[in-house]
Structures are given as structure tokens and as C-alpha cells.
N, C-alpha and C. Protein backbone atom coordinates (compact mmCIF):
# COMPACT_ATOMS: atom_id res chain seq x y z
N MET A 1 70.95 87.26 96.34
CA MET A 1 69.72 88.46 96.16
C MET A 1 70.04 88.68 97.71
N PHE A 2 70.70 87.61 98.52
CA PHE A 2 71.18 88.26 99.87
C PHE A 2 72.47 88.93 99.96
N LEU A 3 73.47 88.73 98.67
CA LEU A 3 74.55 89.62 98.85
C LEU A 3 73.97 90.85 98.09
N ALA A 4 73.02 90.92 97.26
CA ALA A 4 72.74 91.54 97.08
C ALA A 4 72.27 93.02 98.48
N CYS A 5 70.71 92.69 99.13
CA CYS A 5 71.03 92.69 100.09
C CYS A 5 71.15 93.52 101.49
N GLY A 6 71.94 92.37 101.68
CA GLY A 6 73.08 92.84 102.13
C GLY A 6 74.21 93.98 102.14
N GLY A 7 74.27 93.63 100.49
CA GLY A 7 75.61 95.68 100.26
C GLY A 7 74.95 96.91 100.52
N LEU A 8 73.41 96.58 99.90
CA LEU A 8 72.19 97.01 99.95
C LEU A 8 71.94 97.75 101.58
N GLY A 9 71.93 96.65 102.03
CA GLY A 9 72.08 97.35 103.40
C GLY A 9 73.24 98.04 104.42
N TYR A 10 73.94 97.38 103.39
CA TYR A 10 76.03 97.98 104.31
C TYR A 10 75.68 99.49 103.75
N MET A 11 75.00 99.45 102.09
CA MET A 11 75.51 101.13 101.89
C MET A 11 74.49 101.96 103.23
N ILE A 12 73.14 101.74 102.89
CA ILE A 12 72.26 102.62 103.73
C ILE A 12 72.70 102.82 105.01
N TRP A 13 72.88 101.25 106.30
CA TRP A 13 73.66 101.68 107.60
C TRP A 13 74.86 102.68 107.47
N SER A 14 75.61 103.11 106.07
CA SER A 14 77.03 103.27 106.41
C SER A 14 76.42 105.20 106.11
N ALA A 15 75.58 105.08 105.33
CA ALA A 15 75.60 106.74 105.01
C ALA A 15 74.39 107.38 106.84
N ALA A 16 73.50 106.52 107.11
CA ALA A 16 72.84 106.45 107.84
C ALA A 16 73.73 106.89 109.15
N LYS A 17 74.99 106.16 109.91
CA LYS A 17 75.77 106.84 110.61
C LYS A 17 76.45 107.83 110.51
N SER A 18 76.89 107.58 109.35
CA SER A 18 77.74 109.38 108.85
C SER A 18 76.59 110.08 108.85
N ALA A 19 75.89 110.26 108.80
CA ALA A 19 74.49 111.43 108.54
C ALA A 19 74.32 111.75 110.60
N ILE A 20 74.51 111.16 110.94
CA ILE A 20 74.26 110.53 112.78
C ILE A 20 75.51 111.86 113.60
N ASN A 21 76.53 111.25 112.71
CA ASN A 21 77.60 112.15 113.17
C ASN A 21 78.07 113.72 112.78
N ARG A 22 77.49 113.62 111.97
CA ARG A 22 77.58 114.62 111.33
C ARG A 22 76.52 115.92 112.21
N LEU A 23 75.02 115.33 112.51
CA LEU A 23 74.33 116.01 113.14
C LEU A 23 75.06 116.22 114.61
N ASP A 24 75.50 115.03 115.21
CA ASP A 24 76.22 114.63 116.66
C ASP A 24 77.35 115.96 115.84
N ASP A 25 78.04 116.44 115.67
CA ASP A 25 79.07 117.56 115.36
C ASP A 25 78.57 118.37 115.67
N VAL A 26 77.29 118.88 114.68
CA VAL A 26 76.47 120.23 114.76
C VAL A 26 75.72 120.55 115.77
N MET A 27 75.42 119.66 116.45
CA MET A 27 74.43 119.81 117.89
C MET A 27 75.93 120.64 119.50
N VAL A 28 76.84 119.57 118.66
CA VAL A 28 78.28 120.24 120.04
C VAL A 28 78.23 121.52 119.78
N LYS A 29 78.21 122.14 118.12
CA LYS A 29 79.10 122.84 117.81
C LYS A 29 77.83 124.22 118.80
N MET A 30 76.52 123.73 118.29
CA MET A 30 74.99 124.65 118.21
C MET A 30 75.65 124.41 119.58
N GLN A 31 75.51 123.90 120.93
CA GLN A 31 75.30 123.93 122.31
C GLN A 31 76.81 124.86 122.50
N SER A 32 77.93 124.71 121.85
CA SER A 32 78.49 125.40 122.72
C SER A 32 78.91 127.08 121.88
N ASP A 33 77.10 127.80 121.66
CA ASP A 33 77.02 128.97 121.09
C ASP A 33 77.92 129.01 120.00
N ILE A 34 78.04 128.09 119.08
CA ILE A 34 78.29 128.13 117.67
C ILE A 34 77.01 128.20 116.10
N THR A 35 76.70 129.77 116.47
CA THR A 35 75.15 129.59 115.92
C THR A 35 74.83 130.24 114.43
N ASP A 36 75.98 130.38 114.09
CA ASP A 36 76.48 131.02 112.73
C ASP A 36 75.91 129.54 112.17
N LEU A 37 75.17 129.88 110.31
CA LEU A 37 74.75 128.92 109.67
C LEU A 37 76.20 128.58 108.51
N GLN A 38 76.94 129.78 108.23
CA GLN A 38 77.75 129.14 108.37
C GLN A 38 78.75 128.19 108.04
N LYS A 39 78.96 128.46 109.50
CA LYS A 39 80.36 128.21 110.08
C LYS A 39 79.49 126.36 110.52
N LEU A 40 78.15 125.98 110.68
CA LEU A 40 78.11 125.08 110.84
C LEU A 40 77.88 124.29 109.87
N SER A 41 77.44 125.15 108.64
CA SER A 41 77.27 125.09 106.66
C SER A 41 78.89 124.48 106.82
N ASP A 42 79.72 124.57 106.78
CA ASP A 42 81.16 124.08 107.23
C ASP A 42 81.83 122.43 107.45
N ILE A 43 80.86 123.26 108.76
CA ILE A 43 81.20 121.84 109.35
C ILE A 43 80.67 120.28 108.61
N VAL A 44 79.15 120.74 108.42
CA VAL A 44 78.94 119.41 107.28
C VAL A 44 79.29 118.81 106.29
N GLY A 45 80.35 120.32 105.21
CA GLY A 45 80.41 120.25 104.44
C GLY A 45 81.30 120.15 104.42
N SER A 46 82.47 119.77 104.98
CA SER A 46 83.46 119.51 105.53
C SER A 46 83.74 117.99 105.68
N LYS A 47 82.21 117.19 106.02
CA LYS A 47 82.36 115.53 106.80
C LYS A 47 81.98 115.58 105.11
N LEU A 48 81.23 115.96 104.55
CA LEU A 48 80.90 114.89 103.07
C LEU A 48 81.78 114.39 102.66
N LEU A 49 83.66 114.62 102.14
CA LEU A 49 83.73 114.55 101.49
C LEU A 49 84.69 112.73 102.35
N ASN A 50 83.83 112.92 103.94
CA ASN A 50 84.86 111.64 104.00
C ASN A 50 84.04 110.63 104.27
N THR A 51 84.31 110.26 102.88
CA THR A 51 83.24 108.66 103.05
C THR A 51 83.88 107.24 103.69
N ASP A 52 82.98 106.20 103.06
CA ASP A 52 83.86 105.20 103.84
C ASP A 52 83.84 104.36 102.61
N PRO A 53 85.21 104.53 102.49
CA PRO A 53 85.83 103.85 101.15
C PRO A 53 85.50 102.33 100.23
N CYS A 54 84.72 101.57 101.74
CA CYS A 54 84.07 100.21 101.32
C CYS A 54 82.89 100.95 100.59
N ASN A 55 82.52 102.01 100.78
CA ASN A 55 80.95 101.63 99.96
C ASN A 55 81.01 101.78 98.37
N ASN A 56 82.33 102.56 97.87
CA ASN A 56 82.58 101.96 96.08
C ASN A 56 82.56 101.01 95.88
N PHE A 57 83.52 99.97 96.88
CA PHE A 57 83.63 98.60 96.02
C PHE A 57 81.41 97.93 96.42
N VAL A 58 81.30 97.95 98.28
CA VAL A 58 80.14 97.20 97.01
C VAL A 58 79.45 98.06 97.17
N LEU A 59 79.31 98.63 96.66
CA LEU A 59 78.30 98.82 95.36
C LEU A 59 78.61 98.50 94.28
N TYR A 60 79.86 98.17 93.83
CA TYR A 60 80.15 98.00 92.33
C TYR A 60 79.73 96.22 92.17
N VAL A 61 79.78 95.50 93.40
CA VAL A 61 79.98 94.20 93.47
C VAL A 61 78.46 94.16 93.82
N THR A 62 77.54 94.69 94.52
CA THR A 62 75.80 95.40 93.92
C THR A 62 75.49 94.73 92.61
N ILE A 63 76.09 96.05 92.02
CA ILE A 63 75.41 96.30 90.67
C ILE A 63 75.86 95.37 89.76
N CYS A 64 77.17 94.42 90.22
CA CYS A 64 77.69 93.48 89.02
C CYS A 64 77.19 92.38 89.62
N ILE A 65 76.15 92.13 90.68
CA ILE A 65 75.61 91.45 91.10
C ILE A 65 74.25 90.60 91.00
N TRP A 66 73.30 92.58 90.29
CA TRP A 66 72.11 92.40 90.36
C TRP A 66 71.71 92.59 89.12
N ILE A 67 73.68 92.55 87.66
CA ILE A 67 73.56 92.87 86.59
C ILE A 67 73.55 90.96 86.83
N PHE A 68 74.38 90.11 86.64
CA PHE A 68 74.09 88.39 86.85
C PHE A 68 73.08 88.32 87.12
N ALA A 69 71.66 89.22 88.56
CA ALA A 69 70.52 87.87 88.49
C ALA A 69 70.16 88.16 87.47
N VAL A 70 70.23 89.48 86.31
CA VAL A 70 69.29 89.54 85.23
C VAL A 70 69.18 89.06 84.67
N ILE A 71 70.71 88.50 83.72
CA ILE A 71 70.91 87.47 82.73
C ILE A 71 70.76 85.94 83.35
N ASP A 72 71.02 86.12 84.21
CA ASP A 72 70.36 84.65 84.92
C ASP A 72 69.54 84.47 84.64
N ALA A 73 67.98 85.51 84.94
CA ALA A 73 66.34 85.90 84.66
C ALA A 73 66.10 85.06 83.15
N PHE A 74 66.57 86.19 82.84
CA PHE A 74 66.68 86.18 81.30
C PHE A 74 67.05 84.71 80.66
N ARG A 75 67.93 84.04 80.93
CA ARG A 75 68.11 82.91 79.94
C ARG A 75 67.41 82.27 81.19
N ALA A 76 66.87 81.30 82.10
CA ALA A 76 65.65 81.34 82.76
C ALA A 76 64.42 81.35 81.76
N GLY A 77 64.02 81.76 81.84
CA GLY A 77 62.89 82.65 80.33
C GLY A 77 63.28 81.60 79.24
N LYS A 78 64.63 82.30 79.19
CA LYS A 78 63.66 81.49 77.42
C LYS A 78 63.96 79.99 77.82
N GLN A 79 64.68 78.82 78.61
CA GLN A 79 65.03 77.74 78.07
C GLN A 79 63.28 77.79 79.10
N LYS A 80 63.17 77.94 79.50
CA LYS A 80 61.32 77.92 80.18
C LYS A 80 60.36 78.26 78.97
N GLU A 81 60.20 78.82 77.99
CA GLU A 81 59.90 78.71 76.68
C GLU A 81 60.12 78.03 76.07
N LEU A 82 61.29 77.56 75.44
CA LEU A 82 61.59 76.57 74.77
C LEU A 82 61.12 74.86 75.71
């Protein structure tokens, strides 16, 4: 459970950090008098493709841990019935 919560926490932290960086870039561009929405949209869109490569790994590990927990709970429930 701690591993799954830790993985989810990492993914949320990484997404929040990425969003703050994008907003910071947009704010810098807006302060330098670039108010064209298309240019600002291009800045944000270009940053969307640059994600942390560890996110996919953490996501897959978290899903595997969750599936293992479901199977373990099912087996424990079956043993308790007997």
C-alpha cells in the first residue's frame, strides 16, 4: 500500500511541478509583452511533450502493485470463508 501511495504521490508531484513550470514560462512571456494567445498556446503545447520518463515506469509499477493487492485480498477473503 505504501508503494502504491508513494507512486501516486510521485506522479501527482511531477504533474504539479510540470504545470507550474509551464505557467512560469507563460508568465515570463506575458511580462515581455507577448500577448498573442497563439504564441502562448504554442509555448504550453511544446512543453506537454516533455514529460518525465519515470512517470510511465511508476505508473506501470503502481498498476502492478494494485493488481497484486486485489488478488491478495481475494485470496484472503476466500481463505476466511473456509
